[in-house]
Protein backbone atom coordinates (compact mmCIF):
# COMPACT_ATOMS: atom_id res chain seq x y z
CA MET A 1 -41.17 0.00 -39.46
CA ILE A 2 -43.49 -2.07 -37.31
CA ARG A 3 -45.40 -5.20 -39.21
CA PRO A 4 -49.02 -7.00 -37.14
CA LEU A 5 -47.30 -10.09 -37.34
CA ASP A 6 -43.56 -9.20 -36.18
CA GLY A 7 -42.12 -11.68 -33.42
CA ILE A 8 -44.42 -14.31 -35.16
CA THR A 9 -42.89 -17.97 -36.27
CA VAL A 10 -44.28 -19.84 -38.63
CA VAL A 11 -43.48 -23.61 -39.14
CA SER A 12 -45.39 -24.77 -42.45
CA LEU A 13 -45.10 -28.53 -43.56
CA GLU A 14 -46.56 -27.52 -47.06
CA HIS A 15 -46.80 -28.07 -50.35
CA ALA A 16 -48.81 -27.28 -53.16
CA ILE A 17 -51.10 -24.09 -53.05
CA ALA A 18 -53.50 -24.28 -50.53
CA ALA A 19 -50.90 -23.60 -47.36
CA PRO A 20 -48.12 -21.72 -49.17
CA PHE A 21 -50.71 -19.28 -50.24
CA CYS A 22 -51.78 -18.59 -46.37
CA THR A 23 -48.39 -18.93 -45.30
CA ARG A 24 -47.09 -16.18 -47.68
CA GLN A 25 -50.06 -13.87 -46.80
CA LEU A 26 -48.91 -14.04 -43.14
CA ALA A 27 -45.24 -13.49 -44.05
CA GLU A 28 -46.15 -10.40 -45.68
CA LEU A 29 -47.61 -8.94 -42.80
CA GLY A 30 -44.35 -9.69 -40.97
CA ALA A 31 -44.24 -13.14 -39.67
CA ARG A 32 -41.47 -15.33 -39.70
CA VAL A 33 -42.36 -18.34 -41.83
CA ILE A 34 -39.71 -21.23 -42.01
CA LYS A 35 -41.19 -24.02 -44.79
CA VAL A 36 -40.02 -27.48 -44.21
CA GLU A 37 -39.19 -29.23 -47.47
CA ARG A 38 -37.96 -32.59 -48.52
CA PRO A 39 -34.23 -32.48 -49.14
CA GLY A 40 -32.97 -32.38 -52.79
CA THR A 41 -37.09 -32.07 -54.67
CA GLY A 42 -37.97 -29.78 -51.83
CA ASP A 43 -42.05 -28.62 -52.35
CA PHE A 44 -43.37 -30.71 -55.25
CA ALA A 45 -45.17 -27.72 -56.68
CA ARG A 46 -41.88 -26.19 -57.77
CA ALA A 47 -41.88 -28.83 -60.54
CA TYR A 48 -45.58 -27.87 -62.15
CA ASP A 49 -43.71 -26.44 -64.94
CA ASN A 50 -40.78 -23.92 -65.51
CA ARG A 51 -42.64 -20.67 -66.88
CA VAL A 52 -41.15 -17.66 -64.61
CA ASN A 53 -36.83 -17.37 -65.40
CA GLY A 54 -36.46 -21.97 -65.35
CA GLN A 55 -38.66 -21.41 -62.24
CA SER A 56 -42.75 -23.05 -61.57
CA SER A 57 -45.78 -20.26 -61.95
CA HIS A 58 -47.20 -21.42 -58.88
CA PHE A 59 -44.32 -21.99 -56.70
CA VAL A 60 -43.12 -18.34 -57.05
CA TRP A 61 -46.61 -16.65 -56.58
CA THR A 62 -47.04 -18.59 -53.15
CA ASN A 63 -43.57 -18.84 -51.41
CA ARG A 64 -41.73 -15.37 -51.39
CA SER A 65 -40.79 -14.21 -48.29
CA LYS A 66 -40.12 -17.38 -46.65
CA GLU A 67 -37.17 -19.48 -45.56
CA SER A 68 -36.57 -22.73 -46.70
CA LEU A 69 -35.68 -25.83 -44.33
CA CYS A 70 -34.55 -29.52 -45.61
CA LEU A 71 -35.86 -31.93 -43.15
CA ASP A 72 -36.18 -35.39 -43.98
CA LEU A 73 -38.87 -36.10 -41.43
CA LYS A 74 -38.89 -40.12 -41.81
CA GLN A 75 -35.56 -39.49 -39.72
CA PRO A 76 -35.30 -38.96 -36.02
CA ALA A 77 -32.35 -36.48 -35.89
CA ALA A 78 -34.76 -34.56 -38.26
CA LEU A 79 -37.53 -34.74 -36.83
CA ALA A 80 -36.19 -33.68 -33.31
CA ALA A 81 -34.55 -30.97 -34.65
CA LEU A 82 -38.59 -29.60 -36.13
CA ASN A 83 -39.79 -30.69 -32.51
CA GLN A 84 -37.07 -28.27 -31.32
CA LEU A 85 -38.09 -25.61 -34.08
CA LEU A 86 -42.09 -26.16 -32.69
CA SER A 87 -40.75 -25.30 -28.64
CA LYS A 88 -40.08 -21.18 -30.25
CA ALA A 89 -43.12 -20.82 -32.43
CA ASP A 90 -46.74 -20.07 -32.46
CA VAL A 91 -48.23 -21.47 -35.56
CA LEU A 92 -47.84 -24.91 -37.45
CA VAL A 93 -49.42 -24.95 -40.51
CA GLN A 94 -49.44 -28.44 -42.18
CA ASN A 95 -51.46 -30.07 -45.54
CA LEU A 96 -49.93 -33.19 -45.90
CA ALA A 97 -51.67 -36.19 -46.70
CA PRO A 98 -54.47 -37.62 -44.71
CA GLY A 99 -53.26 -38.70 -41.11
CA ALA A 100 -49.47 -38.19 -42.17
CA SER A 101 -48.94 -35.35 -39.51
CA GLU A 102 -50.69 -37.66 -36.25
CA ARG A 103 -47.93 -40.63 -37.95
CA MET A 104 -45.44 -38.32 -36.49
CA GLY A 105 -46.55 -37.16 -33.42
CA LEU A 106 -47.59 -33.93 -34.85
CA SER A 107 -51.05 -33.84 -34.02
CA TYR A 108 -52.66 -31.05 -32.07
CA ALA A 109 -53.70 -33.19 -28.90
CA SER A 110 -49.75 -34.13 -29.34
CA LEU A 111 -48.32 -31.19 -29.77
CA SER A 112 -50.86 -29.33 -27.23
CA GLU A 113 -49.31 -31.36 -23.82
CA ARG A 114 -45.96 -29.69 -24.76
CA HIS A 115 -46.45 -26.61 -26.70
CA ALA A 116 -49.78 -24.71 -25.02
CA GLN A 117 -49.19 -21.94 -27.17
CA LEU A 118 -48.75 -23.35 -30.11
CA ILE A 119 -51.66 -22.77 -32.99
CA VAL A 120 -52.10 -25.85 -35.02
CA CYS A 121 -53.82 -25.44 -38.41
CA ASP A 122 -54.52 -28.38 -40.75
CA ILE A 123 -55.62 -27.96 -44.51
CA SER A 124 -57.02 -30.88 -45.71
CA GLY A 125 -59.42 -31.45 -48.43
CA TYR A 126 -62.49 -33.08 -46.15
CA GLY A 127 -61.37 -32.15 -43.01
CA ASP A 128 -60.23 -34.54 -39.70
CA SER A 129 -63.74 -36.22 -39.20
CA GLY A 130 -65.99 -38.18 -41.91
CA PRO A 131 -66.90 -40.65 -44.26
CA TYR A 132 -64.33 -38.59 -46.86
CA ARG A 133 -61.62 -37.90 -43.97
CA ASP A 134 -59.03 -40.06 -45.65
CA LYS A 135 -59.63 -39.66 -49.07
CA LYS A 136 -57.24 -37.63 -51.90
CA ALA A 137 -57.78 -33.87 -52.87
CA TYR A 138 -57.00 -32.23 -55.36
CA ASP A 139 -58.25 -28.72 -56.65
CA LEU A 140 -60.39 -30.34 -59.47
CA LEU A 141 -61.83 -33.11 -57.65
CA ILE A 142 -63.34 -30.72 -54.96
CA GLN A 143 -64.71 -27.80 -57.30
CA SER A 144 -66.54 -31.19 -58.38
CA GLU A 145 -67.59 -32.19 -55.50
CA ALA A 146 -68.68 -28.65 -54.17
CA GLY A 147 -70.71 -28.23 -57.65
CA LEU A 148 -68.92 -25.68 -58.82
CA LEU A 149 -68.31 -27.46 -62.17
CA SER A 150 -72.59 -28.13 -62.69
CA VAL A 151 -72.88 -24.17 -62.13
CA THR A 152 -69.62 -23.41 -64.68
CA GLY A 153 -69.53 -23.51 -68.11
CA THR A 154 -72.07 -23.79 -71.52
CA PRO A 155 -75.19 -25.82 -71.31
CA GLU A 156 -73.29 -28.45 -73.13
CA ASP A 157 -70.01 -28.70 -71.38
CA PRO A 158 -68.92 -27.93 -67.76
CA CYS A 159 -65.90 -26.37 -66.89
CA LYS A 160 -63.35 -26.06 -64.06
CA ALA A 161 -62.67 -22.18 -62.60
CA GLY A 162 -59.08 -21.38 -64.63
CA ASN A 163 -57.18 -21.02 -61.66
CA SER A 164 -57.28 -23.33 -58.04
CA MET A 165 -60.21 -21.99 -56.41
CA ALA A 166 -60.62 -24.89 -53.96
CA ASP A 167 -57.23 -24.38 -52.77
CA ILE A 168 -57.68 -20.52 -52.79
CA ALA A 169 -60.67 -20.60 -50.64
CA ALA A 170 -58.98 -22.52 -48.18
CA ALA A 171 -56.02 -20.62 -47.96
CA MET A 172 -57.87 -17.72 -47.35
CA TYR A 173 -60.49 -19.47 -44.88
CA ALA A 174 -56.78 -20.71 -42.93
CA TYR A 175 -55.19 -17.47 -43.08
CA THR A 176 -58.61 -15.61 -41.43
CA SER A 177 -58.48 -18.30 -38.68
CA ILE A 178 -54.82 -17.94 -37.83
CA LEU A 179 -55.26 -14.17 -37.43
CA SER A 180 -58.30 -14.59 -35.06
CA ALA A 181 -56.01 -17.10 -33.16
CA LEU A 182 -53.57 -15.10 -32.56
CA LEU A 183 -55.96 -12.73 -31.13
CA LEU A 184 -57.77 -15.53 -29.62
CA ARG A 185 -54.46 -16.05 -28.21
CA GLY A 186 -53.50 -13.11 -26.87
CA LYS A 187 -56.88 -13.09 -24.53
CA THR A 188 -56.30 -16.70 -23.31
CA GLY A 189 -52.71 -17.60 -23.42
CA ARG A 190 -53.44 -20.84 -24.82
CA GLY A 191 -53.35 -21.85 -28.66
CA SER A 192 -55.79 -23.43 -30.58
CA HIS A 193 -56.10 -26.38 -33.20
CA ILE A 194 -57.54 -24.89 -36.92
CA ASP A 195 -59.39 -28.00 -38.95
CA VAL A 196 -59.98 -25.89 -42.30
CA SER A 197 -61.42 -28.45 -45.47
CA MET A 198 -61.32 -27.41 -48.84
CA LEU A 199 -64.74 -28.96 -49.43
CA GLU A 200 -66.10 -26.36 -46.66
CA SER A 201 -64.30 -23.56 -48.04
CA LEU A 202 -65.76 -24.02 -51.48
CA THR A 203 -68.81 -24.98 -50.23
CA GLU A 204 -69.02 -21.29 -48.56
CA TRP A 205 -68.52 -19.39 -51.64
CA MET A 206 -71.26 -21.55 -53.45
CA GLY A 207 -73.80 -19.98 -51.13
CA PHE A 208 -76.11 -18.13 -54.43
CA PRO A 209 -76.01 -21.28 -56.05
CA MET A 210 -77.07 -23.48 -53.14
CA TYR A 211 -79.53 -20.46 -52.65
CA TYR A 212 -81.16 -20.14 -55.91
CA ALA A 213 -81.53 -24.17 -55.89
CA PHE A 214 -83.55 -24.31 -52.32
CA GLU A 215 -85.28 -27.40 -51.84
CA GLY A 216 -85.22 -28.75 -54.88
CA ALA A 217 -85.41 -25.60 -56.90
CA SER A 218 -83.94 -25.94 -60.30
CA PRO A 219 -79.86 -24.68 -59.79
CA PRO A 220 -78.90 -21.70 -61.71
CA PRO A 221 -78.36 -23.07 -65.38
CA ARG A 222 -74.60 -22.76 -66.99
CA ALA A 223 -74.26 -19.90 -68.75
CA GLY A 224 -71.03 -19.33 -70.14
CA ALA A 225 -69.72 -15.74 -69.60
CA SER A 226 -73.01 -14.36 -68.84
CA HIS A 227 -74.97 -14.28 -65.47
CA ALA A 228 -76.87 -17.23 -64.64
CA SER A 229 -79.88 -15.02 -63.63
CA ILE A 230 -79.27 -11.52 -64.62
CA TYR A 231 -79.75 -10.09 -67.85
CA PRO A 232 -78.59 -8.57 -69.79
CA TYR A 233 -75.20 -9.17 -68.25
CA GLY A 234 -71.61 -10.64 -70.03
CA PRO A 235 -69.95 -10.42 -73.16
CA PHE A 236 -71.72 -9.34 -76.31
CA PRO A 237 -70.04 -8.95 -79.86
CA VAL A 238 -69.57 -6.03 -81.71
CA GLY A 239 -69.14 -4.99 -85.55
CA ASP A 240 -65.29 -4.76 -85.42
CA GLY A 241 -65.41 -8.96 -84.06
CA GLY A 242 -64.26 -7.12 -80.80
CA THR A 243 -66.51 -8.25 -77.79
CA VAL A 244 -67.78 -5.88 -75.23
CA ILE A 245 -68.79 -6.96 -71.51
CA LEU A 246 -71.54 -5.38 -69.78
CA GLY A 247 -74.20 -5.89 -66.48
CA LEU A 248 -77.19 -4.24 -65.88
CA GLN A 249 -78.47 -4.49 -61.63
CA ASN A 250 -81.78 -2.52 -61.32
CA GLU A 251 -84.77 -1.27 -63.78
CA ARG A 252 -82.89 2.19 -63.69
CA GLU A 253 -80.17 1.02 -65.71
CA TRP A 254 -82.30 -0.87 -67.99
CA LYS A 255 -84.22 2.56 -69.35
CA VAL A 256 -81.01 4.14 -69.62
CA PHE A 257 -79.34 1.47 -71.42
CA CYS A 258 -82.15 1.15 -73.91
CA GLU A 259 -82.38 4.75 -74.73
CA VAL A 260 -78.72 5.70 -74.85
CA ALA A 261 -76.56 2.23 -75.91
CA LEU A 262 -79.99 0.96 -77.93
CA CYS A 263 -81.14 4.13 -78.86
CA ASN A 264 -84.61 2.58 -78.72
CA ALA A 265 -86.32 3.88 -75.00
CA ALA A 266 -89.39 1.85 -75.85
CA LEU A 267 -87.83 -0.96 -75.30
CA ALA A 268 -87.78 -0.44 -71.74
CA ALA A 269 -91.30 -1.42 -71.74
CA ASP A 270 -91.22 -4.02 -73.96
CA VAL A 271 -94.02 -7.04 -71.93
CA ARG A 272 -91.36 -9.64 -72.37
CA PHE A 273 -88.23 -7.21 -70.90
CA ASP A 274 -89.86 -4.89 -67.96
CA SER A 275 -88.29 -6.81 -65.16
CA ASN A 276 -85.15 -8.69 -65.06
CA SER A 277 -86.63 -12.07 -64.50
CA LYS A 278 -88.74 -11.53 -67.91
CA ARG A 279 -85.45 -10.47 -69.20
CA ASN A 280 -84.03 -13.76 -68.21
CA GLU A 281 -86.54 -15.67 -69.15
CA HIS A 282 -86.60 -14.32 -72.53
CA ARG A 283 -83.10 -13.42 -73.02
CA ASP A 284 -82.19 -15.24 -76.16
CA ALA A 285 -84.77 -12.79 -77.82
CA LEU A 286 -82.73 -9.85 -75.86
CA LYS A 287 -79.45 -10.46 -77.06
CA ALA A 288 -80.77 -11.07 -80.92
CA ILE A 289 -81.67 -7.36 -80.34
CA ILE A 290 -78.40 -6.36 -78.45
CA VAL A 291 -76.25 -7.56 -81.25
CA GLU A 292 -78.06 -6.53 -83.95
CA VAL A 293 -77.44 -2.97 -82.44
CA PHE A 294 -73.68 -3.57 -81.73
CA SER A 295 -72.80 -5.03 -85.11
CA SER A 296 -73.26 -1.49 -86.85
CA LEU A 297 -70.87 -0.02 -84.13
CA SER A 298 -67.47 -0.24 -83.21
CA THR A 299 -66.19 -1.07 -79.63
CA ALA A 300 -64.76 1.85 -79.02
CA GLN A 301 -68.83 3.44 -80.09
CA VAL A 302 -70.21 0.93 -77.94
CA GLN A 303 -67.83 1.41 -74.91
CA GLU A 304 -68.98 5.32 -75.31
CA ARG A 305 -72.22 4.64 -75.41
CA LEU A 306 -72.42 3.05 -72.13
CA ALA A 307 -69.84 5.46 -70.61
CA GLN A 308 -72.39 7.82 -71.59
CA ALA A 309 -75.40 6.04 -70.04
CA GLN A 310 -73.19 4.66 -67.46
CA ILE A 311 -73.69 1.41 -67.61
CA ALA A 312 -70.77 -0.88 -66.17
CA SER A 313 -68.64 -2.46 -68.97
CA ALA A 314 -65.04 -3.83 -68.89
CA ARG A 315 -62.71 -4.89 -71.20
CA MET A 316 -62.36 -9.09 -72.56
CA ASN A 317 -58.37 -8.97 -70.70
CA ASP A 318 -55.72 -11.70 -71.18
CA MET A 319 -52.82 -12.02 -69.24
CA ALA A 320 -50.66 -9.71 -71.29
CA GLY A 321 -53.03 -7.28 -70.75
CA LEU A 322 -53.40 -7.80 -67.04
CA TRP A 323 -49.64 -7.46 -66.91
CA ALA A 324 -50.01 -4.07 -68.19
CA HIS A 325 -53.54 -3.16 -66.66
CA PRO A 326 -52.71 0.41 -66.22
CA GLN A 327 -55.06 0.52 -62.97
CA LEU A 328 -52.79 -1.36 -61.75
CA ARG A 329 -49.29 0.83 -62.57
CA ALA A 330 -51.18 4.18 -61.48
CA ARG A 331 -51.82 2.65 -58.19
CA ASP A 332 -48.25 1.83 -58.11
CA ARG A 333 -49.21 -1.92 -57.21
CA TRP A 334 -45.84 -3.83 -58.39
CA ARG A 335 -42.80 -4.57 -56.46
CA THR A 336 -39.37 -7.18 -57.56
CA VAL A 337 -38.22 -9.66 -55.53
CA GLY A 338 -35.44 -12.40 -55.89
CA SER A 339 -35.46 -15.57 -56.79
CA PRO A 340 -33.44 -18.40 -57.81
CA GLY A 341 -34.09 -17.61 -61.37
CA GLY A 342 -33.52 -13.87 -60.92
CA THR A 343 -35.39 -10.62 -59.81
CA LEU A 344 -39.35 -11.10 -60.92
CA ALA A 345 -42.03 -8.87 -60.99
CA ALA A 346 -44.96 -9.03 -57.74
CA LEU A 347 -47.93 -7.49 -56.87
CA LEU A 348 -48.50 -6.33 -53.52
CA PRO A 349 -51.39 -7.93 -51.56
CA PRO A 350 -54.73 -6.67 -51.79
CA GLY A 351 -55.26 -4.05 -49.20
CA ARG A 352 -53.24 -0.68 -48.50
CA ASN A 353 -52.33 0.10 -44.61
CA ASN A 354 -51.00 3.39 -43.90
CA ALA A 355 -49.60 2.35 -41.14
CA PHE A 356 -47.06 -0.47 -42.74
CA GLU A 357 -45.52 -1.42 -46.03
CA TYR A 358 -46.16 -5.38 -46.67
CA ARG A 359 -42.95 -7.24 -46.24
CA MET A 360 -41.77 -8.39 -50.73
CA ASP A 361 -39.03 -10.60 -49.91
CA GLU A 362 -37.38 -13.52 -52.13
CA VAL A 363 -38.51 -16.62 -53.19
CA PRO A 364 -35.77 -18.92 -51.43
CA GLY A 365 -34.58 -22.11 -53.08
CA VAL A 366 -34.73 -25.04 -51.71
CA GLY A 367 -32.70 -25.54 -48.24
CA GLN A 368 -31.70 -21.92 -48.98
CA HIS A 369 -31.96 -21.53 -44.91
CA THR A 370 -31.23 -25.25 -43.28
CA ASP A 371 -27.96 -24.33 -42.14
CA THR A 372 -29.24 -21.25 -40.73
CA ILE A 373 -32.04 -22.32 -38.86
CA LEU A 374 -30.01 -25.31 -37.34
CA GLN A 375 -27.48 -23.43 -35.98
CA GLU A 376 -29.94 -21.40 -34.07
CA LEU A 377 -31.49 -24.21 -32.87
CA GLY A 378 -27.71 -24.72 -31.03
CA LEU A 379 -26.08 -27.42 -33.65
CA GLY A 380 -22.79 -27.23 -34.57
CA GLU A 381 -21.43 -27.30 -37.70
CA SER A 382 -20.10 -30.88 -37.05
CA ASP A 383 -23.60 -31.25 -36.19
CA ILE A 384 -24.99 -30.11 -39.26
CA ALA A 385 -22.59 -32.23 -41.68
CA ALA A 386 -23.23 -35.10 -39.77
CA MET A 387 -27.26 -34.71 -40.24
CA ARG A 388 -26.06 -33.74 -44.09
CA SER A 389 -24.28 -36.85 -44.33
CA ALA A 390 -27.17 -39.25 -43.27
CA GLY A 391 -29.76 -37.50 -45.84
CA CYS A 392 -31.36 -36.15 -43.03
CA ILE A 393 -31.48 -32.29 -44.62
């Protein structure tokens, strides 16, 4: 079976989430991804927790289908091995501390002189220029700088997103930028430099609230699980203690919702609620009406009415419910992969392609492929033993 990135080699100086999530997706398309880790401890994300058969939840999520090569890049022999590896590679991805790759001679300017075909992707918090260039950046800090916290949470308390949104945003833009660079190299024969910042990535995702606050207008209010500007849209309590999530998008749905779900067709013409902007303005009054109707019904009855009215709705799933989601099972989205802690369930990447199957290989142990990779570079057993004795690997 031919995959889109078969024959492409990616070397990654990566840790945490942004770079590993990017390179995992390249591996799933067939690329050989060589993950360079510190000898002994490896990527520090391996120690975030031990929730998955003694392994980190973050690490097993972002690192399957890779090879692990341990190198202490502070030692000349290890750095020489890396440079030899890069001479045969197509892509270098790195999210080291600001300035670290330049100090090791691994900047694009330096590498492109020796390896014209190499694509270099640098992922950082704030980019490779500007006053924030050298500032440390973690996901929560970028969520704050990008304004996500200001529009997420309740009126009383801002909240971070429950997943690493800034890391994920940067990973996705790095991933697509690398694919674009590979296409460009096919036309020009030369590699290129990609500079991806977490701040710019997450700021792009903040487009709606930014434009909502255009030219100094008031920003979207923090509305909990409700929509900031569309109503009714969000969670509503039901008489049996359950919660139903529903969303209306237009005036046609509003009229049907009143008639079928609330059994109150006249409410649709109420001057307080006859447009979305008015419903949003008077959301407290409208919520009281909806909650009063739903208070005499069970969750199943409310869901039945919403289905009859063809109003979009959903369950408020927890993680156990997501693992067991019937739609994921019906679409055969689960596979199994190996890991140092044993076999794990793993979700296929989004997007089916009828021309190939995604690569779904094991999560590597620290340095699992070190000897094999060094042997490919021409090092003999005695050379490798000497490197190990010196702490290079």
